[in-house]
Amino acid sequence: KNMKNIDLSKLTQNIKVISGRDRGMELREKLKIDEKDIDEEIYEFEIAQDVYSFNSSCFLGLFSDSIKKLGEKKFREKYQFKCSELIRMNIEDGIRDAVNKANPLG
């Protein structure tokens, strides 16, 4: 399968801290993530190396519905992230939060 690249810096114009649930939801709309969730493609999100925070409220605004719909394993297969180690830790926190919130026992 081809991997489609999505460069987040095109949408976040030089912002070094990507934060806020509202911004996440706005990105979800702009990127048509609901449609991407159900297509056959694999996406690689590229987050600029100079971004030093992608906070979990923004990540959840962007992806919590996807994680609920797809489950963690399928989400990780479908959406991949090209980013610094620091941002990778933010993303892992976001996935963990989404999984815990999606689990009614969590």
N, C-alpha and C. Protein backbone atom coordinates (compact mmCIF):
# COMPACT_ATOMS: atom_id res chain seq x y z
N LYS A 1 0.84 -1.21 0.00
CA LYS A 1 0.00 0.00 0.00
C LYS A 1 0.87 1.25 0.00
N ASN A 2 0.40 2.24 -0.68
CA ASN A 2 1.11 3.51 -0.66
C ASN A 2 0.85 4.21 0.66
N MET A 3 1.88 4.89 1.13
CA MET A 3 1.68 5.69 2.31
C MET A 3 1.51 7.14 1.86
N LYS A 4 0.48 7.78 2.34
CA LYS A 4 0.25 9.18 2.00
C LYS A 4 0.81 10.06 3.10
N ASN A 5 1.55 11.07 2.69
CA ASN A 5 2.18 11.94 3.67
C ASN A 5 1.29 13.16 3.94
N ILE A 6 1.14 13.50 5.19
CA ILE A 6 0.42 14.71 5.59
C ILE A 6 1.39 15.53 6.42
N ASP A 7 1.75 16.69 5.90
CA ASP A 7 2.70 17.55 6.60
C ASP A 7 1.91 18.53 7.47
N LEU A 8 1.94 18.29 8.77
CA LEU A 8 1.17 19.14 9.68
C LEU A 8 1.68 20.57 9.71
N SER A 9 2.95 20.79 9.39
CA SER A 9 3.46 22.17 9.47
C SER A 9 2.76 23.08 8.46
N LYS A 10 2.21 22.50 7.39
CA LYS A 10 1.45 23.31 6.44
C LYS A 10 0.20 23.88 7.10
N LEU A 11 -0.32 23.18 8.09
CA LEU A 11 -1.54 23.62 8.76
C LEU A 11 -1.26 24.39 10.05
N THR A 12 -0.09 24.18 10.62
CA THR A 12 0.18 24.79 11.92
C THR A 12 1.19 25.94 11.82
N GLN A 13 1.53 26.34 10.59
CA GLN A 13 2.42 27.49 10.33
C GLN A 13 3.33 27.90 11.47
N ASN A 14 4.46 27.27 11.57
CA ASN A 14 5.51 27.68 12.51
C ASN A 14 5.11 27.69 13.97
N ILE A 15 4.04 27.03 14.33
CA ILE A 15 3.69 26.93 15.74
C ILE A 15 4.59 25.85 16.35
N LYS A 16 5.20 26.15 17.46
CA LYS A 16 6.13 25.20 18.10
C LYS A 16 5.43 24.34 19.14
N VAL A 17 4.28 24.81 19.60
CA VAL A 17 3.50 24.04 20.58
C VAL A 17 2.12 23.86 19.97
N ILE A 18 1.80 22.62 19.63
CA ILE A 18 0.49 22.34 19.03
C ILE A 18 -0.40 21.91 20.19
N SER A 19 -1.38 22.74 20.51
CA SER A 19 -2.16 22.45 21.72
C SER A 19 -3.61 22.83 21.57
N GLY A 20 -4.41 22.30 22.47
CA GLY A 20 -5.82 22.66 22.57
C GLY A 20 -6.72 21.71 21.82
N ARG A 21 -7.73 21.22 22.53
CA ARG A 21 -8.69 20.30 21.93
C ARG A 21 -9.37 20.95 20.72
N ASP A 22 -9.69 22.25 20.83
CA ASP A 22 -10.37 22.93 19.71
C ASP A 22 -9.51 22.89 18.45
N ARG A 23 -8.22 23.16 18.61
CA ARG A 23 -7.33 23.11 17.45
C ARG A 23 -7.30 21.68 16.88
N GLY A 24 -7.25 20.69 17.76
CA GLY A 24 -7.25 19.30 17.30
C GLY A 24 -8.50 18.99 16.49
N MET A 25 -9.65 19.44 16.98
CA MET A 25 -10.91 19.17 16.29
C MET A 25 -10.95 19.91 14.95
N GLU A 26 -10.40 21.11 14.94
CA GLU A 26 -10.33 21.90 13.71
C GLU A 26 -9.44 21.19 12.67
N LEU A 27 -8.30 20.66 13.12
CA LEU A 27 -7.42 19.90 12.22
C LEU A 27 -8.13 18.65 11.71
N ARG A 28 -8.88 18.00 12.59
CA ARG A 28 -9.62 16.80 12.20
C ARG A 28 -10.56 17.11 11.04
N GLU A 29 -11.28 18.24 11.15
CA GLU A 29 -12.19 18.68 10.08
C GLU A 29 -11.43 18.98 8.80
N LYS A 30 -10.39 19.83 8.91
CA LYS A 30 -9.62 20.25 7.74
C LYS A 30 -9.02 19.06 7.01
N LEU A 31 -8.54 18.09 7.78
CA LEU A 31 -7.87 16.94 7.19
C LEU A 31 -8.84 15.82 6.81
N LYS A 32 -10.13 16.05 7.10
CA LYS A 32 -11.16 15.04 6.80
C LYS A 32 -10.79 13.66 7.36
N ILE A 33 -10.44 13.65 8.63
CA ILE A 33 -9.99 12.40 9.27
C ILE A 33 -11.12 11.36 9.30
N ASP A 34 -12.38 11.81 9.46
CA ASP A 34 -13.48 10.83 9.46
C ASP A 34 -13.49 10.01 8.17
N GLU A 35 -13.23 10.68 7.05
CA GLU A 35 -13.18 9.97 5.77
C GLU A 35 -11.93 9.07 5.69
N LYS A 36 -10.82 9.57 6.20
CA LYS A 36 -9.58 8.79 6.17
C LYS A 36 -9.71 7.52 7.03
N ASP A 37 -10.44 7.63 8.15
CA ASP A 37 -10.60 6.47 9.04
C ASP A 37 -11.15 5.26 8.29
N ILE A 38 -12.00 5.51 7.29
CA ILE A 38 -12.68 4.38 6.65
C ILE A 38 -12.13 4.04 5.25
N ASP A 39 -11.10 4.77 4.79
CA ASP A 39 -10.54 4.40 3.49
C ASP A 39 -9.46 3.33 3.67
N GLU A 40 -8.83 2.96 2.57
CA GLU A 40 -7.86 1.87 2.61
C GLU A 40 -6.42 2.35 2.74
N GLU A 41 -6.23 3.66 2.81
CA GLU A 41 -4.87 4.20 2.78
C GLU A 41 -4.18 4.12 4.15
N ILE A 42 -2.88 4.28 4.10
CA ILE A 42 -2.07 4.45 5.32
C ILE A 42 -1.50 5.86 5.26
N TYR A 43 -1.54 6.56 6.37
CA TYR A 43 -1.11 7.95 6.40
C TYR A 43 0.09 8.13 7.31
N GLU A 44 1.02 8.94 6.85
CA GLU A 44 2.15 9.32 7.68
C GLU A 44 2.04 10.81 7.97
N PHE A 45 1.87 11.13 9.24
CA PHE A 45 1.81 12.53 9.65
C PHE A 45 3.21 12.99 9.95
N GLU A 46 3.60 14.05 9.28
CA GLU A 46 4.93 14.60 9.50
C GLU A 46 4.80 15.83 10.39
N ILE A 47 5.53 15.80 11.49
CA ILE A 47 5.50 16.92 12.43
C ILE A 47 6.92 17.47 12.49
N ALA A 48 7.05 18.74 12.19
CA ALA A 48 8.37 19.36 12.06
C ALA A 48 9.23 19.09 13.29
N GLN A 49 10.53 18.92 13.04
CA GLN A 49 11.48 18.63 14.13
C GLN A 49 11.55 19.75 15.16
N ASP A 50 11.19 20.98 14.76
CA ASP A 50 11.31 22.08 15.73
C ASP A 50 10.05 22.30 16.56
N VAL A 51 9.04 21.46 16.35
CA VAL A 51 7.85 21.52 17.23
C VAL A 51 8.24 20.81 18.51
N TYR A 52 8.03 21.45 19.65
CA TYR A 52 8.47 20.78 20.87
C TYR A 52 7.33 20.32 21.77
N SER A 53 6.09 20.52 21.34
CA SER A 53 4.99 19.94 22.11
C SER A 53 3.77 19.74 21.23
N PHE A 54 3.19 18.56 21.34
CA PHE A 54 1.93 18.24 20.66
C PHE A 54 1.09 17.69 21.80
N ASN A 55 0.38 18.58 22.49
CA ASN A 55 -0.19 18.14 23.76
C ASN A 55 -1.38 17.21 23.56
N SER A 56 -1.65 16.44 24.61
CA SER A 56 -2.60 15.36 24.42
C SER A 56 -4.02 15.87 24.18
N SER A 57 -4.37 17.05 24.68
CA SER A 57 -5.74 17.53 24.39
C SER A 57 -5.90 17.79 22.89
N CYS A 58 -4.87 18.32 22.25
CA CYS A 58 -4.93 18.54 20.80
C CYS A 58 -4.93 17.20 20.06
N PHE A 59 -4.05 16.30 20.48
CA PHE A 59 -3.99 14.97 19.86
C PHE A 59 -5.36 14.28 19.96
N LEU A 60 -5.98 14.38 21.14
CA LEU A 60 -7.28 13.73 21.34
C LEU A 60 -8.36 14.40 20.49
N GLY A 61 -8.31 15.72 20.37
CA GLY A 61 -9.26 16.41 19.49
C GLY A 61 -9.13 15.91 18.06
N LEU A 62 -7.89 15.66 17.66
CA LEU A 62 -7.61 15.20 16.31
C LEU A 62 -7.94 13.72 16.11
N PHE A 63 -7.58 12.88 17.08
CA PHE A 63 -7.62 11.43 16.84
C PHE A 63 -8.44 10.57 17.79
N SER A 64 -9.02 11.13 18.87
CA SER A 64 -9.68 10.20 19.81
C SER A 64 -10.82 9.43 19.15
N ASP A 65 -11.58 10.08 18.26
CA ASP A 65 -12.67 9.36 17.58
C ASP A 65 -12.12 8.22 16.72
N SER A 66 -10.98 8.46 16.08
CA SER A 66 -10.37 7.43 15.24
C SER A 66 -9.93 6.24 16.09
N ILE A 67 -9.34 6.53 17.25
CA ILE A 67 -8.86 5.46 18.11
C ILE A 67 -10.04 4.66 18.65
N LYS A 68 -11.13 5.35 18.99
CA LYS A 68 -12.34 4.64 19.44
C LYS A 68 -12.89 3.75 18.34
N LYS A 69 -12.95 4.31 17.13
CA LYS A 69 -13.51 3.57 16.00
C LYS A 69 -12.65 2.40 15.57
N LEU A 70 -11.35 2.65 15.44
CA LEU A 70 -10.44 1.66 14.85
C LEU A 70 -9.84 0.72 15.88
N GLY A 71 -9.79 1.16 17.13
CA GLY A 71 -9.03 0.41 18.12
C GLY A 71 -7.56 0.78 18.00
N GLU A 72 -6.80 0.54 19.06
CA GLU A 72 -5.41 1.00 19.09
C GLU A 72 -4.56 0.36 18.00
N LYS A 73 -4.71 -0.95 17.81
CA LYS A 73 -3.85 -1.66 16.86
C LYS A 73 -4.05 -1.13 15.44
N LYS A 74 -5.31 -1.05 15.01
CA LYS A 74 -5.58 -0.57 13.65
C LYS A 74 -5.21 0.90 13.48
N PHE A 75 -5.43 1.68 14.53
CA PHE A 75 -5.04 3.09 14.48
C PHE A 75 -3.54 3.21 14.22
N ARG A 76 -2.75 2.43 14.96
CA ARG A 76 -1.29 2.49 14.81
C ARG A 76 -0.83 2.03 13.43
N GLU A 77 -1.58 1.09 12.83
CA GLU A 77 -1.22 0.63 11.48
C GLU A 77 -1.55 1.70 10.45
N LYS A 78 -2.67 2.35 10.64
CA LYS A 78 -3.18 3.30 9.64
C LYS A 78 -2.49 4.66 9.70
N TYR A 79 -2.26 5.15 10.92
CA TYR A 79 -1.68 6.48 11.10
C TYR A 79 -0.30 6.35 11.72
N GLN A 80 0.70 6.78 10.96
CA GLN A 80 2.06 6.73 11.46
C GLN A 80 2.58 8.15 11.58
N PHE A 81 3.58 8.32 12.40
CA PHE A 81 4.04 9.66 12.73
C PHE A 81 5.54 9.78 12.51
N LYS A 82 5.91 10.79 11.73
CA LYS A 82 7.32 11.09 11.51
C LYS A 82 7.59 12.36 12.31
N CYS A 83 8.34 12.19 13.40
CA CYS A 83 8.49 13.30 14.33
C CYS A 83 9.68 13.06 15.24
N SER A 84 9.98 14.05 16.05
CA SER A 84 11.07 13.92 17.03
C SER A 84 10.65 12.94 18.14
N GLU A 85 11.64 12.49 18.89
CA GLU A 85 11.37 11.59 20.02
C GLU A 85 10.44 12.25 21.05
N LEU A 86 10.65 13.55 21.27
CA LEU A 86 9.83 14.27 22.23
C LEU A 86 8.36 14.23 21.81
N ILE A 87 8.09 14.50 20.55
CA ILE A 87 6.72 14.49 20.04
C ILE A 87 6.18 13.06 20.07
N ARG A 88 7.03 12.08 19.77
CA ARG A 88 6.59 10.68 19.83
C ARG A 88 6.08 10.36 21.24
N MET A 89 6.75 10.88 22.27
CA MET A 89 6.29 10.64 23.65
C MET A 89 4.92 11.30 23.87
N ASN A 90 4.74 12.51 23.33
CA ASN A 90 3.44 13.19 23.43
C ASN A 90 2.35 12.35 22.76
N ILE A 91 2.67 11.80 21.59
CA ILE A 91 1.70 11.00 20.84
C ILE A 91 1.36 9.72 21.60
N GLU A 92 2.37 9.08 22.17
CA GLU A 92 2.12 7.87 22.97
C GLU A 92 1.21 8.19 24.15
N ASP A 93 1.45 9.34 24.80
CA ASP A 93 0.58 9.76 25.91
C ASP A 93 -0.85 9.94 25.41
N GLY A 94 -0.98 10.57 24.26
CA GLY A 94 -2.31 10.82 23.69
C GLY A 94 -3.04 9.52 23.37
N ILE A 95 -2.31 8.57 22.77
CA ILE A 95 -2.93 7.27 22.45
C ILE A 95 -3.36 6.57 23.73
N ARG A 96 -2.49 6.60 24.72
CA ARG A 96 -2.81 5.96 26.00
C ARG A 96 -4.05 6.59 26.63
N ASP A 97 -4.10 7.94 26.61
CA ASP A 97 -5.28 8.63 27.15
C ASP A 97 -6.55 8.22 26.41
N ALA A 98 -6.47 8.16 25.08
CA ALA A 98 -7.65 7.83 24.27
C ALA A 98 -8.11 6.41 24.55
N VAL A 99 -7.14 5.50 24.66
CA VAL A 99 -7.48 4.10 24.93
C VAL A 99 -8.12 3.97 26.31
N ASN A 100 -7.56 4.67 27.28
CA ASN A 100 -8.11 4.61 28.64
C ASN A 100 -9.50 5.22 28.70
N LYS A 101 -9.72 6.31 27.95
CA LYS A 101 -11.04 6.94 27.97
C LYS A 101 -12.05 6.12 27.18
N ALA A 102 -11.57 5.40 26.17
CA ALA A 102 -12.47 4.60 25.34
C ALA A 102 -12.88 3.33 26.09
N ASN A 103 -12.09 2.97 27.09
CA ASN A 103 -12.36 1.76 27.87
C ASN A 103 -13.22 2.15 29.07
N PRO A 104 -14.47 1.70 29.09
CA PRO A 104 -15.38 2.13 30.16
C PRO A 104 -14.91 1.73 31.55
N LEU A 105 -14.02 0.74 31.63
CA LEU A 105 -13.51 0.32 32.94
C LEU A 105 -12.30 1.15 33.36
N GLY A 106 -11.75 1.95 32.41
CA GLY A 106 -10.49 2.67 32.67
C GLY A 106 -10.67 3.85 33.57
